[in-house]
C-alpha cells in the first residue's frame, strides 16, 4: 500500500526501509536532524524555513537579477568565442571544429545541472 504526501507517492514497506537506510548511511538523516534541532532550539522561528534549511546545508542563493546578469555575460562570451573562432578559421587554424564540440558538450552539461 502506498501513501501520498503533497502529490508524491511515498514508498512503503521494503522500499521505505531501503530509503531510510540509504538516508542514514549517506548522512542525510543526521544532517537534517541537526538542522531541524537547531531551528527548534532557536528563540525565533525563521521567516522562511526552506531558505533556512538551504542556508544550513550550504546552498548559495542567487537573486533573479544576478542570475539574469550572469546569463547575459555568458551569452556575450559565447558570441565573442564564435567571433574569435571565425577569425581563427580565416587564418587557417585547424581543429577548430573539435574545440567547438567540446565547448558545446560543456555548455550542455552545465544546462543539465
N, C-alpha and C. Protein backbone atom coordinates (compact mmCIF):
# COMPACT_ATOMS: atom_id res chain seq x y z
N UNK A 1 0.85 -1.17 0.00
CA UNK A 1 0.00 0.00 0.00
C UNK A 1 0.90 1.24 0.00
N UNK A 2 0.59 2.21 -0.84
CA UNK A 2 1.38 3.43 -0.95
C UNK A 2 0.64 4.59 -0.31
N UNK A 3 1.40 5.50 0.26
CA UNK A 3 0.83 6.70 0.84
C UNK A 3 1.17 7.87 -0.06
N UNK A 4 0.33 8.90 -0.05
CA UNK A 4 0.58 10.09 -0.86
C UNK A 4 0.78 11.28 0.05
N UNK A 5 1.78 12.09 -0.27
CA UNK A 5 2.06 13.28 0.52
C UNK A 5 2.44 14.38 -0.45
N UNK A 6 1.64 15.45 -0.48
CA UNK A 6 1.92 16.56 -1.38
C UNK A 6 1.93 16.14 -2.84
N UNK A 7 1.09 15.16 -3.20
CA UNK A 7 1.03 14.71 -4.58
C UNK A 7 2.11 13.70 -4.94
N UNK A 8 2.98 13.36 -4.00
CA UNK A 8 4.05 12.40 -4.26
C UNK A 8 3.73 11.08 -3.58
N UNK A 9 4.03 10.00 -4.26
CA UNK A 9 3.84 8.68 -3.68
C UNK A 9 5.03 8.38 -2.77
N UNK A 10 4.72 8.04 -1.53
CA UNK A 10 5.76 7.69 -0.57
C UNK A 10 5.90 6.17 -0.55
N UNK A 11 7.09 5.67 -0.79
CA UNK A 11 7.26 4.22 -0.80
C UNK A 11 7.03 3.63 0.59
N UNK A 12 6.48 2.44 0.63
CA UNK A 12 6.21 1.80 1.91
C UNK A 12 6.97 0.49 2.00
N UNK A 13 6.90 -0.11 3.15
CA UNK A 13 7.47 -1.42 3.44
C UNK A 13 8.95 -1.51 3.09
N UNK A 14 9.32 -2.46 2.25
CA UNK A 14 10.74 -2.71 1.97
C UNK A 14 11.41 -1.52 1.30
N UNK A 15 10.72 -0.88 0.36
CA UNK A 15 11.30 0.28 -0.31
C UNK A 15 11.53 1.41 0.69
N UNK A 16 10.60 1.60 1.58
CA UNK A 16 10.73 2.65 2.59
C UNK A 16 11.95 2.37 3.47
N UNK A 17 12.07 1.15 3.92
CA UNK A 17 13.22 0.77 4.75
C UNK A 17 14.53 0.96 3.99
N UNK A 18 14.52 0.65 2.70
CA UNK A 18 15.71 0.82 1.87
C UNK A 18 16.11 2.29 1.80
N UNK A 19 15.13 3.16 1.60
CA UNK A 19 15.42 4.60 1.55
C UNK A 19 15.89 5.12 2.90
N UNK A 20 15.25 4.68 3.97
CA UNK A 20 15.67 5.12 5.30
C UNK A 20 17.11 4.71 5.58
N UNK A 21 17.47 3.50 5.20
CA UNK A 21 18.87 3.04 5.37
C UNK A 21 19.81 3.89 4.53
N UNK A 22 19.40 4.16 3.30
CA UNK A 22 20.20 4.98 2.40
C UNK A 22 20.43 6.38 2.99
N UNK A 23 19.36 7.00 3.50
CA UNK A 23 19.49 8.34 4.10
C UNK A 23 20.38 8.30 5.33
N UNK A 24 20.27 7.25 6.11
CA UNK A 24 21.08 7.14 7.31
C UNK A 24 22.56 6.93 6.95
N UNK A 25 22.84 6.01 6.04
CA UNK A 25 24.21 5.71 5.65
C UNK A 25 24.90 6.90 4.97
N UNK A 26 24.14 7.69 4.22
CA UNK A 26 24.73 8.81 3.49
C UNK A 26 24.87 10.07 4.34
N UNK A 27 24.32 10.04 5.55
CA UNK A 27 24.43 11.20 6.44
C UNK A 27 23.31 12.21 6.29
N UNK A 28 22.37 11.95 5.40
CA UNK A 28 21.26 12.88 5.18
C UNK A 28 20.40 13.00 6.43
N UNK A 29 20.06 11.87 7.01
CA UNK A 29 19.20 11.88 8.19
C UNK A 29 19.84 12.67 9.34
N UNK A 30 21.11 12.44 9.58
CA UNK A 30 21.79 13.14 10.67
C UNK A 30 21.85 14.64 10.43
N UNK A 31 22.20 15.04 9.20
CA UNK A 31 22.31 16.47 8.88
C UNK A 31 20.96 17.17 9.01
N UNK A 32 19.90 16.55 8.46
CA UNK A 32 18.58 17.16 8.58
C UNK A 32 18.13 17.23 10.04
N UNK A 33 18.43 16.20 10.80
CA UNK A 33 18.09 16.22 12.23
C UNK A 33 18.80 17.36 12.95
N UNK A 34 20.08 17.56 12.63
CA UNK A 34 20.84 18.65 13.25
C UNK A 34 20.23 20.01 12.90
N UNK A 35 19.87 20.18 11.64
CA UNK A 35 19.29 21.45 11.19
C UNK A 35 17.95 21.70 11.86
N UNK A 36 17.10 20.67 11.88
CA UNK A 36 15.77 20.83 12.49
C UNK A 36 15.88 21.07 14.00
N UNK A 37 16.82 20.41 14.65
CA UNK A 37 17.04 20.63 16.08
C UNK A 37 17.49 22.06 16.33
N UNK A 38 18.42 22.53 15.52
CA UNK A 38 18.91 23.91 15.65
C UNK A 38 17.76 24.90 15.46
N UNK A 39 16.92 24.65 14.47
CA UNK A 39 15.78 25.53 14.20
C UNK A 39 14.80 25.49 15.38
N UNK A 40 14.55 24.30 15.91
CA UNK A 40 13.62 24.13 17.02
C UNK A 40 14.13 24.83 18.28
N UNK A 41 15.43 24.76 18.52
CA UNK A 41 16.01 25.33 19.73
C UNK A 41 16.24 26.84 19.62
N UNK A 42 16.09 27.38 18.43
CA UNK A 42 16.27 28.81 18.21
C UNK A 42 15.15 29.58 18.91
N UNK A 43 15.47 30.78 19.38
CA UNK A 43 14.47 31.61 20.06
C UNK A 43 13.45 32.16 19.08
N UNK A 44 13.85 32.33 17.83
CA UNK A 44 12.94 32.86 16.81
C UNK A 44 12.76 31.84 15.71
N UNK A 45 11.57 31.80 15.18
CA UNK A 45 11.31 30.95 14.01
C UNK A 45 11.80 31.69 12.77
N UNK A 46 12.44 30.99 11.86
CA UNK A 46 12.84 31.66 10.63
C UNK A 46 11.60 32.03 9.81
N UNK A 47 11.66 33.17 9.14
CA UNK A 47 10.54 33.60 8.29
C UNK A 47 10.29 32.61 7.17
N UNK A 48 11.37 32.05 6.63
CA UNK A 48 11.24 31.10 5.53
C UNK A 48 12.04 29.85 5.90
N UNK A 49 11.36 28.83 6.43
CA UNK A 49 12.08 27.63 6.87
C UNK A 49 12.87 26.93 5.76
N UNK A 50 12.34 26.91 4.54
CA UNK A 50 13.06 26.28 3.44
C UNK A 50 14.37 27.01 3.14
N UNK A 51 14.32 28.33 3.17
CA UNK A 51 15.54 29.12 2.94
C UNK A 51 16.54 28.86 4.07
N UNK A 52 16.06 28.78 5.29
CA UNK A 52 16.91 28.49 6.44
C UNK A 52 17.62 27.14 6.25
N UNK A 53 16.86 26.12 5.85
CA UNK A 53 17.43 24.79 5.65
C UNK A 53 18.45 24.82 4.52
N UNK A 54 18.13 25.50 3.43
CA UNK A 54 19.08 25.60 2.31
C UNK A 54 20.39 26.24 2.76
N UNK A 55 20.28 27.33 3.52
CA UNK A 55 21.49 28.01 4.00
C UNK A 55 22.29 27.11 4.92
N UNK A 56 21.61 26.40 5.80
CA UNK A 56 22.30 25.49 6.72
C UNK A 56 22.99 24.35 5.96
N UNK A 57 22.43 23.97 4.82
CA UNK A 57 23.05 22.93 4.00
C UNK A 57 24.20 23.48 3.16
N UNK A 58 24.34 24.82 3.15
CA UNK A 58 25.44 25.44 2.43
C UNK A 58 25.09 25.88 1.02
N UNK A 59 23.79 25.89 0.71
CA UNK A 59 23.38 26.30 -0.63
C UNK A 59 23.56 27.81 -0.79
N UNK A 60 23.99 28.21 -1.96
CA UNK A 60 24.12 29.62 -2.28
C UNK A 60 22.87 30.06 -3.01
N UNK A 61 22.23 31.07 -2.49
CA UNK A 61 21.00 31.56 -3.10
C UNK A 61 21.34 32.79 -3.94
N UNK A 62 21.05 32.70 -5.23
CA UNK A 62 21.37 33.76 -6.17
C UNK A 62 20.07 34.46 -6.56
N UNK A 63 20.09 35.78 -6.53
CA UNK A 63 18.90 36.53 -6.89
C UNK A 63 18.62 36.39 -8.39
N UNK A 64 17.37 36.59 -8.76
CA UNK A 64 16.98 36.51 -10.17
C UNK A 64 17.73 37.55 -10.99
N UNK A 65 17.94 38.72 -10.41
CA UNK A 65 18.66 39.80 -11.11
C UNK A 65 20.11 39.39 -11.39
N UNK A 66 20.76 38.82 -10.39
CA UNK A 66 22.14 38.36 -10.57
C UNK A 66 22.21 37.25 -11.60
N UNK A 67 21.26 36.34 -11.54
CA UNK A 67 21.22 35.24 -12.50
C UNK A 67 21.06 35.76 -13.92
N UNK A 68 20.19 36.74 -14.12
CA UNK A 68 19.99 37.33 -15.45
C UNK A 68 21.27 37.99 -15.96
N UNK A 69 21.97 38.71 -15.07
CA UNK A 69 23.22 39.36 -15.46
C UNK A 69 24.27 38.33 -15.86
N UNK A 70 24.36 37.25 -15.09
CA UNK A 70 25.33 36.20 -15.40
C UNK A 70 25.00 35.52 -16.72
N UNK A 71 23.72 35.27 -16.96
CA UNK A 71 23.31 34.66 -18.23
C UNK A 71 23.66 35.58 -19.41
N UNK A 72 23.47 36.88 -19.24
CA UNK A 72 23.81 37.83 -20.30
C UNK A 72 25.32 37.82 -20.56
N UNK A 73 26.12 37.75 -19.49
CA UNK A 73 27.57 37.70 -19.64
C UNK A 73 28.00 36.43 -20.38
N UNK A 74 27.36 35.31 -20.06
CA UNK A 74 27.68 34.06 -20.73
C UNK A 74 27.33 34.16 -22.21
N UNK A 75 26.16 34.72 -22.52
CA UNK A 75 25.76 34.90 -23.92
C UNK A 75 26.77 35.77 -24.67
N UNK A 76 27.20 36.86 -24.04
CA UNK A 76 28.21 37.74 -24.65
C UNK A 76 29.51 36.98 -24.89
N UNK A 77 29.91 36.19 -23.91
CA UNK A 77 31.16 35.42 -24.04
C UNK A 77 31.05 34.40 -25.17
N UNK A 78 29.90 33.76 -25.29
CA UNK A 78 29.71 32.78 -26.38
C UNK A 78 29.79 33.46 -27.74
N UNK A 79 29.20 34.64 -27.87
CA UNK A 79 29.28 35.38 -29.13
C UNK A 79 30.73 35.73 -29.45
N UNK A 80 31.46 36.15 -28.44
CA UNK A 80 32.88 36.51 -28.64
C UNK A 80 33.69 35.27 -29.04
N UNK A 81 33.40 34.14 -28.44
CA UNK A 81 34.09 32.90 -28.80
C UNK A 81 33.82 32.55 -30.26
N UNK A 82 32.55 32.66 -30.67
CA UNK A 82 32.21 32.37 -32.07
C UNK A 82 32.93 33.33 -33.01
N UNK A 83 33.01 34.62 -32.64
CA UNK A 83 33.69 35.61 -33.47
C UNK A 83 35.17 35.28 -33.58
N UNK A 84 35.79 34.95 -32.47
CA UNK A 84 37.22 34.63 -32.48
C UNK A 84 37.50 33.33 -33.23
N UNK A 85 36.63 32.37 -33.13
CA UNK A 85 36.80 31.12 -33.89
C UNK A 85 36.72 31.39 -35.38
N UNK A 86 35.82 32.27 -35.74
CA UNK A 86 35.68 32.63 -37.15
C UNK A 86 36.99 33.24 -37.66
N UNK A 87 37.58 34.09 -36.87
CA UNK A 87 38.87 34.70 -37.24
C UNK A 87 39.94 33.62 -37.37
N UNK A 88 39.97 32.69 -36.41
CA UNK A 88 40.96 31.61 -36.46
C UNK A 88 40.78 30.75 -37.71
N UNK A 89 39.54 30.47 -38.08
CA UNK A 89 39.29 29.68 -39.29
C UNK A 89 39.81 30.42 -40.53
N UNK A 90 39.56 31.74 -40.57
CA UNK A 90 40.03 32.54 -41.70
C UNK A 90 41.55 32.55 -41.78
N UNK A 91 42.20 32.44 -40.63
CA UNK A 91 43.66 32.41 -40.58
C UNK A 91 44.21 31.02 -40.88
N UNK A 92 43.31 30.04 -41.02
CA UNK A 92 43.74 28.70 -41.38
C UNK A 92 44.07 27.80 -40.21
N UNK A 93 43.66 28.16 -39.02
CA UNK A 93 43.92 27.31 -37.85
C UNK A 93 43.05 26.06 -37.96
N UNK A 94 43.67 24.92 -37.72
CA UNK A 94 42.96 23.65 -37.84
C UNK A 94 42.40 23.22 -36.48
N UNK A 95 41.52 22.22 -36.51
CA UNK A 95 40.93 21.61 -35.31
C UNK A 95 40.00 22.54 -34.54
N UNK A 96 39.50 23.56 -35.18
CA UNK A 96 38.55 24.46 -34.52
C UNK A 96 37.24 23.72 -34.25
N UNK A 97 36.79 22.89 -35.19
CA UNK A 97 35.55 22.15 -35.02
C UNK A 97 35.60 21.25 -33.79
N UNK A 98 36.78 20.65 -33.53
CA UNK A 98 36.93 19.78 -32.38
C UNK A 98 36.68 20.56 -31.09
N UNK A 99 37.24 21.76 -30.96
CA UNK A 99 37.04 22.55 -29.75
C UNK A 99 35.61 23.05 -29.66
N UNK A 100 34.95 23.29 -30.82
CA UNK A 100 33.54 23.67 -30.82
C UNK A 100 32.72 22.59 -30.14
N UNK A 101 33.01 21.35 -30.51
CA UNK A 101 32.26 20.22 -29.98
C UNK A 101 32.47 20.11 -28.47
N UNK A 102 33.70 20.28 -28.00
CA UNK A 102 34.00 20.18 -26.58
C UNK A 102 33.27 21.26 -25.79
N UNK A 103 33.23 22.47 -26.29
CA UNK A 103 32.55 23.56 -25.59
C UNK A 103 31.05 23.34 -25.59
N UNK A 104 30.50 22.85 -26.71
CA UNK A 104 29.07 22.57 -26.76
C UNK A 104 28.70 21.51 -25.74
N UNK A 105 29.54 20.47 -25.60
CA UNK A 105 29.29 19.43 -24.61
C UNK A 105 29.32 20.02 -23.21
N UNK A 106 30.29 20.90 -22.94
CA UNK A 106 30.40 21.53 -21.64
C UNK A 106 29.18 22.40 -21.36
N UNK A 107 28.74 23.17 -22.36
CA UNK A 107 27.56 24.02 -22.20
C UNK A 107 26.33 23.18 -21.89
N UNK A 108 26.18 22.06 -22.59
CA UNK A 108 25.04 21.18 -22.38
C UNK A 108 25.07 20.55 -20.99
N UNK A 109 26.25 20.18 -20.51
CA UNK A 109 26.33 19.58 -19.18
C UNK A 109 26.01 20.60 -18.11
N UNK A 110 26.38 21.86 -18.32
CA UNK A 110 26.06 22.91 -17.36
C UNK A 110 24.55 23.16 -17.33
N UNK A 111 23.91 23.16 -18.50
CA UNK A 111 22.47 23.36 -18.57
C UNK A 111 21.73 22.24 -17.86
N UNK A 112 22.25 21.01 -17.94
CA UNK A 112 21.58 19.86 -17.33
C UNK A 112 21.65 19.91 -15.81
N UNK A 113 22.60 20.62 -15.25
CA UNK A 113 22.75 20.70 -13.80
C UNK A 113 21.71 21.58 -13.27
